[in-house]
N, C-alpha and C. Protein backbone atom coordinates (compact mmCIF):
# COMPACT_ATOMS: atom_id res chain seq x y z
N MET A 1 52.71 128.71 41.42
CA MET A 1 51.27 129.00 41.33
C MET A 1 50.94 129.32 39.90
N THR A 2 49.99 128.69 39.34
CA THR A 2 49.59 128.93 37.94
C THR A 2 48.37 129.80 37.87
N ARG A 3 48.43 130.65 36.87
CA ARG A 3 47.28 131.55 36.63
C ARG A 3 46.18 130.78 35.93
N PRO A 4 44.88 131.00 36.36
CA PRO A 4 43.82 130.29 35.65
C PRO A 4 43.63 130.89 34.27
N ALA A 5 43.24 130.04 33.33
CA ALA A 5 43.02 130.51 31.96
C ALA A 5 41.79 131.44 31.95
N ALA A 6 41.69 132.29 30.97
CA ALA A 6 40.61 133.24 30.88
C ALA A 6 39.25 132.55 30.83
N ARG A 7 39.22 131.35 30.21
CA ARG A 7 37.92 130.65 30.16
C ARG A 7 37.53 130.03 31.49
N ASP A 8 38.49 129.92 32.43
CA ASP A 8 38.23 129.38 33.80
C ASP A 8 37.69 130.44 34.76
N LYS A 9 37.78 131.73 34.40
CA LYS A 9 37.29 132.76 35.29
C LYS A 9 35.76 132.73 35.30
N VAL A 10 35.18 132.87 36.50
CA VAL A 10 33.76 132.86 36.66
C VAL A 10 33.29 134.33 36.79
N CYS A 11 32.39 134.71 35.97
CA CYS A 11 31.82 136.04 36.07
C CYS A 11 30.65 136.00 37.06
N VAL A 12 30.59 136.95 37.99
CA VAL A 12 29.57 136.86 39.02
C VAL A 12 28.25 137.51 38.64
N PHE A 13 28.17 138.14 37.51
CA PHE A 13 26.93 138.78 37.05
C PHE A 13 26.20 137.85 36.08
N PRO A 14 25.03 137.36 36.45
CA PRO A 14 24.34 136.35 35.60
C PRO A 14 24.09 136.81 34.20
N ARG A 15 23.71 138.08 33.99
CA ARG A 15 23.43 138.56 32.60
C ARG A 15 24.70 138.53 31.77
N LEU A 16 25.83 138.87 32.37
CA LEU A 16 27.08 138.85 31.59
C LEU A 16 27.45 137.41 31.26
N ILE A 17 27.19 136.51 32.17
CA ILE A 17 27.48 135.09 31.94
C ILE A 17 26.63 134.59 30.78
N LEU A 18 25.36 134.96 30.82
CA LEU A 18 24.45 134.52 29.75
C LEU A 18 24.92 135.10 28.41
N ARG A 19 25.37 136.33 28.39
CA ARG A 19 25.81 137.00 27.18
C ARG A 19 27.06 136.29 26.65
N GLN A 20 28.00 135.98 27.55
CA GLN A 20 29.22 135.28 27.15
C GLN A 20 28.89 133.92 26.54
N LEU A 21 27.90 133.27 27.09
CA LEU A 21 27.55 131.92 26.56
C LEU A 21 26.61 131.96 25.34
N GLY A 22 26.17 133.17 25.02
CA GLY A 22 25.20 133.31 23.91
C GLY A 22 23.88 132.79 24.28
N ALA A 23 23.46 132.84 25.55
CA ALA A 23 22.18 132.29 25.97
C ALA A 23 21.30 133.39 26.50
N THR A 24 20.02 133.08 26.69
CA THR A 24 19.09 134.01 27.30
C THR A 24 18.63 133.44 28.60
N MET A 25 17.78 134.16 29.30
CA MET A 25 17.28 133.63 30.58
C MET A 25 16.47 132.35 30.32
N ALA A 26 16.73 131.39 31.19
CA ALA A 26 16.10 130.06 30.97
C ALA A 26 14.66 130.13 31.42
N ASP A 27 13.75 129.75 30.44
CA ASP A 27 12.32 129.78 30.72
C ASP A 27 11.78 128.41 31.09
N SER A 28 12.43 127.37 30.69
CA SER A 28 11.93 126.03 30.99
C SER A 28 13.06 125.19 31.55
N ASP A 29 12.69 123.99 32.00
CA ASP A 29 13.66 123.10 32.50
C ASP A 29 14.70 122.67 31.45
N THR A 30 14.21 122.53 30.19
CA THR A 30 15.11 122.18 29.12
C THR A 30 16.16 123.29 28.90
N ASP A 31 15.70 124.56 28.90
CA ASP A 31 16.62 125.68 28.77
C ASP A 31 17.61 125.73 29.91
N ARG A 32 17.16 125.45 31.11
CA ARG A 32 18.03 125.49 32.29
C ARG A 32 19.08 124.38 32.17
N LEU A 33 18.64 123.21 31.70
CA LEU A 33 19.58 122.09 31.56
C LEU A 33 20.64 122.43 30.50
N HIS A 34 20.21 123.05 29.39
CA HIS A 34 21.12 123.42 28.29
C HIS A 34 22.15 124.43 28.86
N LEU A 35 21.67 125.44 29.62
CA LEU A 35 22.55 126.44 30.19
C LEU A 35 23.56 125.78 31.16
N TYR A 36 23.05 124.81 31.93
CA TYR A 36 23.96 124.12 32.85
C TYR A 36 25.04 123.33 32.10
N GLU A 37 24.65 122.67 31.03
CA GLU A 37 25.59 121.90 30.22
C GLU A 37 26.66 122.81 29.59
N VAL A 38 26.26 123.94 28.99
CA VAL A 38 27.19 124.87 28.38
C VAL A 38 28.11 125.45 29.45
N ALA A 39 27.58 125.81 30.63
CA ALA A 39 28.41 126.36 31.67
C ALA A 39 29.42 125.33 32.18
N ARG A 40 28.97 124.04 32.25
CA ARG A 40 29.87 122.99 32.73
C ARG A 40 31.01 122.75 31.78
N GLU A 41 30.69 122.85 30.45
CA GLU A 41 31.75 122.68 29.47
C GLU A 41 32.80 123.79 29.59
N HIS A 42 32.35 125.06 29.77
CA HIS A 42 33.24 126.20 29.82
C HIS A 42 33.97 126.36 31.13
N TRP A 43 33.29 126.10 32.26
CA TRP A 43 33.88 126.45 33.58
C TRP A 43 34.04 125.26 34.55
N GLY A 44 33.44 124.19 34.26
CA GLY A 44 33.55 123.05 35.15
C GLY A 44 32.26 122.85 35.98
N GLU A 45 32.24 121.67 36.66
CA GLU A 45 31.06 121.23 37.40
C GLU A 45 30.66 122.21 38.53
N GLN A 46 31.65 122.60 39.33
CA GLN A 46 31.32 123.44 40.51
C GLN A 46 30.87 124.83 40.08
N ALA A 47 31.50 125.43 39.08
CA ALA A 47 31.08 126.75 38.60
C ALA A 47 29.70 126.70 38.00
N ALA A 48 29.40 125.64 37.25
CA ALA A 48 28.03 125.50 36.64
C ALA A 48 26.97 125.36 37.72
N THR A 49 27.30 124.63 38.74
CA THR A 49 26.34 124.47 39.85
C THR A 49 26.11 125.78 40.59
N THR A 50 27.19 126.51 40.78
CA THR A 50 27.09 127.84 41.44
C THR A 50 26.28 128.76 40.56
N LEU A 51 26.50 128.74 39.25
CA LEU A 51 25.74 129.58 38.32
C LEU A 51 24.25 129.31 38.42
N MET A 52 23.93 128.01 38.40
CA MET A 52 22.51 127.65 38.37
C MET A 52 21.81 128.00 39.71
N SER A 53 22.57 127.98 40.80
CA SER A 53 21.97 128.37 42.10
C SER A 53 21.70 129.86 42.15
N ALA A 54 22.33 130.66 41.26
CA ALA A 54 22.12 132.11 41.25
C ALA A 54 20.81 132.47 40.56
N PHE A 55 20.31 131.56 39.73
CA PHE A 55 19.06 131.82 39.00
C PHE A 55 17.86 131.19 39.70
N PRO A 56 16.71 131.84 39.68
CA PRO A 56 15.56 131.25 40.34
C PRO A 56 15.09 130.03 39.52
N PRO A 57 14.49 129.04 40.22
CA PRO A 57 14.08 127.83 39.48
C PRO A 57 13.01 128.07 38.45
N ALA A 58 12.15 129.09 38.66
CA ALA A 58 11.08 129.33 37.70
C ALA A 58 10.94 130.87 37.50
N ARG A 59 10.54 131.23 36.28
CA ARG A 59 10.43 132.63 35.93
C ARG A 59 9.34 133.28 36.76
N GLU A 60 8.33 132.50 37.14
CA GLU A 60 7.20 133.07 37.93
C GLU A 60 7.63 133.56 39.29
N GLU A 61 8.77 133.11 39.77
CA GLU A 61 9.24 133.51 41.10
C GLU A 61 9.94 134.88 41.06
N LEU A 62 10.23 135.39 39.87
CA LEU A 62 10.85 136.71 39.80
C LEU A 62 9.84 137.80 40.03
N ALA A 63 10.25 138.83 40.74
CA ALA A 63 9.35 139.95 41.02
C ALA A 63 9.51 140.99 39.92
N THR A 64 8.36 141.50 39.45
CA THR A 64 8.39 142.54 38.42
C THR A 64 8.36 143.89 39.10
N LYS A 65 8.52 144.96 38.31
CA LYS A 65 8.46 146.30 38.85
C LYS A 65 7.05 146.55 39.45
N SER A 66 6.08 146.09 38.74
CA SER A 66 4.68 146.28 39.25
C SER A 66 4.48 145.51 40.52
N ASP A 67 5.08 144.34 40.69
CA ASP A 67 4.98 143.58 41.95
C ASP A 67 5.62 144.37 43.07
N VAL A 68 6.80 144.89 42.78
CA VAL A 68 7.52 145.66 43.85
C VAL A 68 6.75 146.96 44.18
N THR A 69 6.17 147.62 43.15
CA THR A 69 5.38 148.83 43.40
C THR A 69 4.13 148.51 44.23
N ALA A 70 3.48 147.42 43.90
CA ALA A 70 2.26 147.04 44.64
C ALA A 70 2.64 146.72 46.09
N MET A 71 3.75 146.02 46.29
CA MET A 71 4.20 145.67 47.63
C MET A 71 4.54 146.93 48.42
N GLY A 72 5.19 147.93 47.73
CA GLY A 72 5.52 149.16 48.40
C GLY A 72 4.30 149.95 48.78
N LEU A 73 3.27 149.97 47.88
CA LEU A 73 2.02 150.64 48.24
C LEU A 73 1.33 149.97 49.41
N ALA A 74 1.32 148.64 49.40
CA ALA A 74 0.70 147.90 50.51
C ALA A 74 1.40 148.22 51.82
N LEU A 75 2.73 148.21 51.77
CA LEU A 75 3.52 148.47 52.96
C LEU A 75 3.30 149.90 53.47
N ARG A 76 3.26 150.87 52.54
CA ARG A 76 2.98 152.27 52.93
C ARG A 76 1.61 152.38 53.55
N SER A 77 0.65 151.72 52.97
CA SER A 77 -0.71 151.78 53.52
C SER A 77 -0.74 151.17 54.95
N GLU A 78 -0.09 150.03 55.12
CA GLU A 78 -0.05 149.40 56.45
C GLU A 78 0.70 150.27 57.43
N MET A 79 1.82 150.85 56.98
CA MET A 79 2.59 151.74 57.89
C MET A 79 1.75 152.97 58.30
N ALA A 80 1.02 153.53 57.31
CA ALA A 80 0.15 154.71 57.64
C ALA A 80 -0.90 154.31 58.67
N GLU A 81 -1.49 153.13 58.49
CA GLU A 81 -2.51 152.64 59.41
C GLU A 81 -1.91 152.47 60.82
N LEU A 82 -0.76 151.82 60.84
CA LEU A 82 -0.09 151.61 62.15
C LEU A 82 0.36 152.90 62.77
N GLY A 83 0.80 153.83 61.93
CA GLY A 83 1.18 155.16 62.44
C GLY A 83 -0.02 155.91 63.04
N GLY A 84 -1.19 155.79 62.40
CA GLY A 84 -2.37 156.43 62.96
C GLY A 84 -2.79 155.80 64.28
N SER A 85 -2.75 154.49 64.35
CA SER A 85 -3.11 153.85 65.62
C SER A 85 -2.11 154.17 66.69
N LEU A 86 -0.80 154.24 66.31
CA LEU A 86 0.23 154.61 67.30
C LEU A 86 -0.02 156.05 67.81
N ARG A 87 -0.34 156.93 66.88
CA ARG A 87 -0.60 158.32 67.30
C ARG A 87 -1.78 158.39 68.28
N SER A 88 -2.88 157.65 67.94
CA SER A 88 -4.04 157.66 68.82
C SER A 88 -3.72 157.10 70.18
N GLU A 89 -2.92 156.01 70.24
CA GLU A 89 -2.52 155.42 71.51
C GLU A 89 -1.66 156.40 72.27
N MET A 90 -0.73 157.06 71.62
CA MET A 90 0.12 158.05 72.31
C MET A 90 -0.72 159.20 72.83
N ALA A 91 -1.67 159.64 72.06
CA ALA A 91 -2.55 160.74 72.51
C ALA A 91 -3.32 160.30 73.77
N GLU A 92 -3.85 159.06 73.73
CA GLU A 92 -4.59 158.56 74.89
C GLU A 92 -3.69 158.43 76.11
N LEU A 93 -2.50 157.90 75.91
CA LEU A 93 -1.55 157.79 77.00
C LEU A 93 -1.13 159.19 77.52
N GLY A 94 -1.00 160.12 76.59
CA GLY A 94 -0.63 161.50 76.96
C GLY A 94 -1.76 162.09 77.84
N GLY A 95 -3.01 161.82 77.48
CA GLY A 95 -4.13 162.34 78.26
C GLY A 95 -4.15 161.75 79.64
N SER A 96 -3.99 160.44 79.73
CA SER A 96 -4.01 159.80 81.07
C SER A 96 -2.80 160.25 81.86
N LEU A 97 -1.67 160.48 81.22
CA LEU A 97 -0.48 160.99 81.92
C LEU A 97 -0.78 162.36 82.49
N ARG A 98 -1.44 163.19 81.70
CA ARG A 98 -1.73 164.53 82.20
C ARG A 98 -2.67 164.50 83.41
N VAL A 99 -3.65 163.56 83.34
CA VAL A 99 -4.58 163.41 84.46
C VAL A 99 -3.81 162.98 85.72
N GLU A 100 -2.92 162.02 85.56
CA GLU A 100 -2.14 161.50 86.69
C GLU A 100 -1.23 162.62 87.25
N ILE A 101 -0.61 163.36 86.34
CA ILE A 101 0.26 164.49 86.82
C ILE A 101 -0.60 165.50 87.58
N GLY A 102 -1.79 165.79 87.09
CA GLY A 102 -2.69 166.71 87.78
C GLY A 102 -3.03 166.17 89.18
N GLU A 103 -3.25 164.88 89.30
CA GLU A 103 -3.58 164.28 90.61
C GLU A 103 -2.37 164.38 91.53
N VAL A 104 -1.23 164.14 90.99
CA VAL A 104 0.01 164.24 91.84
C VAL A 104 0.21 165.68 92.26
N ARG A 105 0.00 166.62 91.41
CA ARG A 105 0.09 168.04 91.77
C ARG A 105 -0.89 168.38 92.89
N THR A 106 -2.13 167.86 92.76
CA THR A 106 -3.11 168.14 93.79
C THR A 106 -2.66 167.54 95.13
N GLU A 107 -2.15 166.33 95.14
CA GLU A 107 -1.66 165.68 96.34
C GLU A 107 -0.47 166.49 96.90
N ILE A 108 0.41 166.91 96.07
CA ILE A 108 1.59 167.72 96.57
C ILE A 108 1.10 169.05 97.18
N ALA A 109 0.12 169.68 96.54
CA ALA A 109 -0.43 170.93 97.10
C ALA A 109 -1.06 170.68 98.45
N ALA A 110 -1.79 169.57 98.58
CA ALA A 110 -2.44 169.23 99.87
C ALA A 110 -1.36 168.96 100.94
N LEU A 111 -0.35 168.17 100.55
CA LEU A 111 0.72 167.93 101.49
C LEU A 111 1.49 169.20 101.83
N GLY A 112 1.65 170.09 100.88
CA GLY A 112 2.32 171.40 101.12
C GLY A 112 1.54 172.22 102.10
N GLY A 113 0.19 172.21 101.97
CA GLY A 113 -0.67 172.98 102.88
C GLY A 113 -0.59 172.40 104.28
N SER A 114 -0.64 171.04 104.36
CA SER A 114 -0.52 170.35 105.66
C SER A 114 0.84 170.63 106.29
N LEU A 115 1.87 170.68 105.49
CA LEU A 115 3.23 170.91 106.01
C LEU A 115 3.33 172.34 106.54
N ARG A 116 2.75 173.26 105.78
CA ARG A 116 2.75 174.73 106.23
C ARG A 116 2.02 174.85 107.54
N THR A 117 0.88 174.16 107.67
CA THR A 117 0.13 174.21 108.92
C THR A 117 0.93 173.65 110.10
N SER A 118 1.55 172.50 109.82
CA SER A 118 2.40 171.91 110.88
C SER A 118 3.53 172.78 111.30
N ILE A 119 4.16 173.38 110.32
CA ILE A 119 5.31 174.29 110.61
C ILE A 119 4.81 175.49 111.40
N ALA A 120 3.66 176.04 111.01
CA ALA A 120 3.12 177.17 111.75
C ALA A 120 2.80 176.79 113.20
N GLU A 121 2.23 175.59 113.38
CA GLU A 121 1.94 175.18 114.73
C GLU A 121 3.23 175.00 115.58
N VAL A 122 4.22 174.39 114.99
CA VAL A 122 5.50 174.20 115.68
C VAL A 122 6.17 175.56 115.94
N ASP A 123 6.04 176.45 114.96
CA ASP A 123 6.65 177.78 115.13
C ASP A 123 5.92 178.55 116.29
N GLY A 124 4.63 178.45 116.31
CA GLY A 124 3.91 179.13 117.36
C GLY A 124 4.23 178.58 118.71
N SER A 125 4.27 177.25 118.82
CA SER A 125 4.60 176.58 120.09
C SER A 125 6.05 176.97 120.51
N LEU A 126 6.94 176.89 119.55
CA LEU A 126 8.33 177.25 119.87
C LEU A 126 8.49 178.71 120.33
N ARG A 127 7.79 179.57 119.67
CA ARG A 127 7.83 181.00 120.09
C ARG A 127 7.25 181.17 121.52
N ALA A 128 6.15 180.51 121.80
CA ALA A 128 5.57 180.62 123.14
C ALA A 128 6.55 180.06 124.19
N ASP A 129 7.15 178.92 123.90
CA ASP A 129 8.15 178.35 124.83
C ASP A 129 9.30 179.29 125.02
N MET A 130 9.77 179.89 123.92
CA MET A 130 10.90 180.80 124.02
C MET A 130 10.55 182.02 124.87
N HIS A 131 9.34 182.57 124.67
CA HIS A 131 8.89 183.74 125.50
C HIS A 131 8.87 183.35 126.96
N GLN A 132 8.36 182.16 127.28
CA GLN A 132 8.31 181.74 128.68
C GLN A 132 9.71 181.63 129.26
N GLU A 133 10.63 181.01 128.51
CA GLU A 133 11.97 180.87 129.01
C GLU A 133 12.66 182.24 129.21
N PHE A 134 12.48 183.12 128.24
CA PHE A 134 13.07 184.48 128.37
C PHE A 134 12.48 185.22 129.57
N ALA A 135 11.19 185.03 129.84
CA ALA A 135 10.57 185.65 130.99
C ALA A 135 11.17 185.11 132.29
N ARG A 136 11.42 183.79 132.35
CA ARG A 136 12.03 183.19 133.55
C ARG A 136 13.48 183.71 133.74
N VAL A 137 14.20 183.77 132.63
CA VAL A 137 15.59 184.24 132.70
C VAL A 137 15.59 185.72 133.14
N TYR A 138 14.72 186.53 132.62
CA TYR A 138 14.59 187.95 132.98
C TYR A 138 14.28 188.06 134.47
N GLU A 139 13.34 187.28 134.94
CA GLU A 139 12.96 187.29 136.35
C GLU A 139 14.12 186.92 137.27
N LYS A 140 14.86 185.86 136.88
CA LYS A 140 16.03 185.46 137.73
C LYS A 140 17.13 186.50 137.68
N MET A 141 17.30 187.13 136.50
CA MET A 141 18.33 188.19 136.43
C MET A 141 17.94 189.35 137.32
N ASN A 142 16.63 189.72 137.34
CA ASN A 142 16.15 190.76 138.23
C ASN A 142 16.42 190.42 139.70
N GLU A 143 16.14 189.15 140.08
CA GLU A 143 16.38 188.75 141.46
C GLU A 143 17.86 188.86 141.78
N GLN A 144 18.70 188.39 140.91
CA GLN A 144 20.13 188.44 141.20
C GLN A 144 20.64 189.89 141.22
N THR A 145 20.15 190.68 140.31
CA THR A 145 20.59 192.09 140.31
C THR A 145 20.17 192.79 141.60
N ARG A 146 18.95 192.55 142.02
CA ARG A 146 18.43 193.10 143.26
C ARG A 146 19.36 192.66 144.45
N THR A 147 19.62 191.34 144.49
CA THR A 147 20.46 190.83 145.56
C THR A 147 21.87 191.46 145.51
N LEU A 148 22.44 191.54 144.35
CA LEU A 148 23.79 192.15 144.21
C LEU A 148 23.79 193.61 144.60
N VAL A 149 22.75 194.33 144.15
CA VAL A 149 22.68 195.79 144.54
C VAL A 149 22.54 195.95 146.01
N LEU A 150 21.69 195.19 146.64
CA LEU A 150 21.53 195.29 148.10
C LEU A 150 22.78 194.89 148.83
N ALA A 151 23.48 193.82 148.32
CA ALA A 151 24.75 193.41 148.92
C ALA A 151 25.78 194.51 148.77
N MET A 152 25.83 195.15 147.64
CA MET A 152 26.80 196.17 147.40
C MET A 152 26.49 197.42 148.31
N ILE A 153 25.24 197.74 148.46
CA ILE A 153 24.85 198.85 149.34
C ILE A 153 25.29 198.54 150.73
N GLY A 154 25.09 197.30 151.16
CA GLY A 154 25.51 196.91 152.48
C GLY A 154 27.01 197.00 152.66
N MET A 155 27.77 196.60 151.61
CA MET A 155 29.25 196.71 151.65
C MET A 155 29.69 198.12 151.70
N VAL A 156 29.07 198.97 150.88
CA VAL A 156 29.47 200.38 150.91
C VAL A 156 29.20 201.03 152.28
N ILE A 157 28.05 200.72 152.83
CA ILE A 157 27.73 201.28 154.21
C ILE A 157 28.72 200.77 155.20
N SER A 158 29.06 199.51 155.10
CA SER A 158 30.03 198.93 156.05
C SER A 158 31.40 199.55 155.84
N ALA A 159 31.80 199.75 154.64
CA ALA A 159 33.09 200.36 154.36
C ALA A 159 33.13 201.81 154.83
N MET A 160 32.03 202.55 154.64
CA MET A 160 31.99 203.93 155.09
C MET A 160 31.98 203.96 156.61
N SER A 161 31.29 203.02 157.27
CA SER A 161 31.27 203.04 158.77
C SER A 161 32.66 202.72 159.27
N LEU A 162 33.38 201.84 158.63
CA LEU A 162 34.73 201.55 159.07
C LEU A 162 35.64 202.73 158.83
N ALA A 163 35.42 203.43 157.75
CA ALA A 163 36.29 204.60 157.46
C ALA A 163 35.98 205.72 158.47
N PHE A 164 34.74 205.95 158.86
CA PHE A 164 34.41 206.97 159.90
C PHE A 164 34.96 206.53 161.20
N ALA A 165 34.82 205.28 161.55
CA ALA A 165 35.30 204.79 162.84
C ALA A 165 36.85 204.88 162.90
N ALA A 166 37.47 204.59 161.85
CA ALA A 166 38.94 204.71 161.84
C ALA A 166 39.34 206.15 161.90
N ALA A 167 38.60 207.04 161.29
CA ALA A 167 38.99 208.46 161.33
C ALA A 167 38.69 209.01 162.70
N ARG A 168 37.70 208.58 163.38
CA ARG A 168 37.38 209.06 164.67
C ARG A 168 38.45 208.56 165.71
N TRP A 169 38.91 207.49 165.65
CA TRP A 169 39.87 206.97 166.64
C TRP A 169 41.29 207.23 166.19
N ALA A 170 41.48 207.74 165.16
CA ALA A 170 42.83 208.03 164.82
C ALA A 170 43.29 209.36 165.23
């Protein structure tokens, strides 16, 4: 592998290239052609073509600091305008969202009231049913207790009669 000669190295910075060649920025087609010819002599066809593609075809196409500053001011102005309209749209959307949230809260409150009323009705009905059932159970327990007490009284009297009868005949 051979090392390229120093004159074969291509510098990637156009100003340094121009300085090496003793040239200035090409202002006309004649100057551009001269720069191309000098670059082709020093570096070859491909390097000269690459060099020329790095330069704009006309000096008028280069942006100056004032061009960049004016473009920056125009962009800032447009961004400020867009930012203002975005803020106003967001405020409008925020207001409509607040209205909708208020409406949803009102609906939820109405549903909550309706739900409380329904629960109270079910609770009242359930309590009344429970009281009726407890009353029936209490009544049946009273009947059974009365029957059991009377049956036990009968058994005690029968047992005492048998005990007296057995004592008398014994």
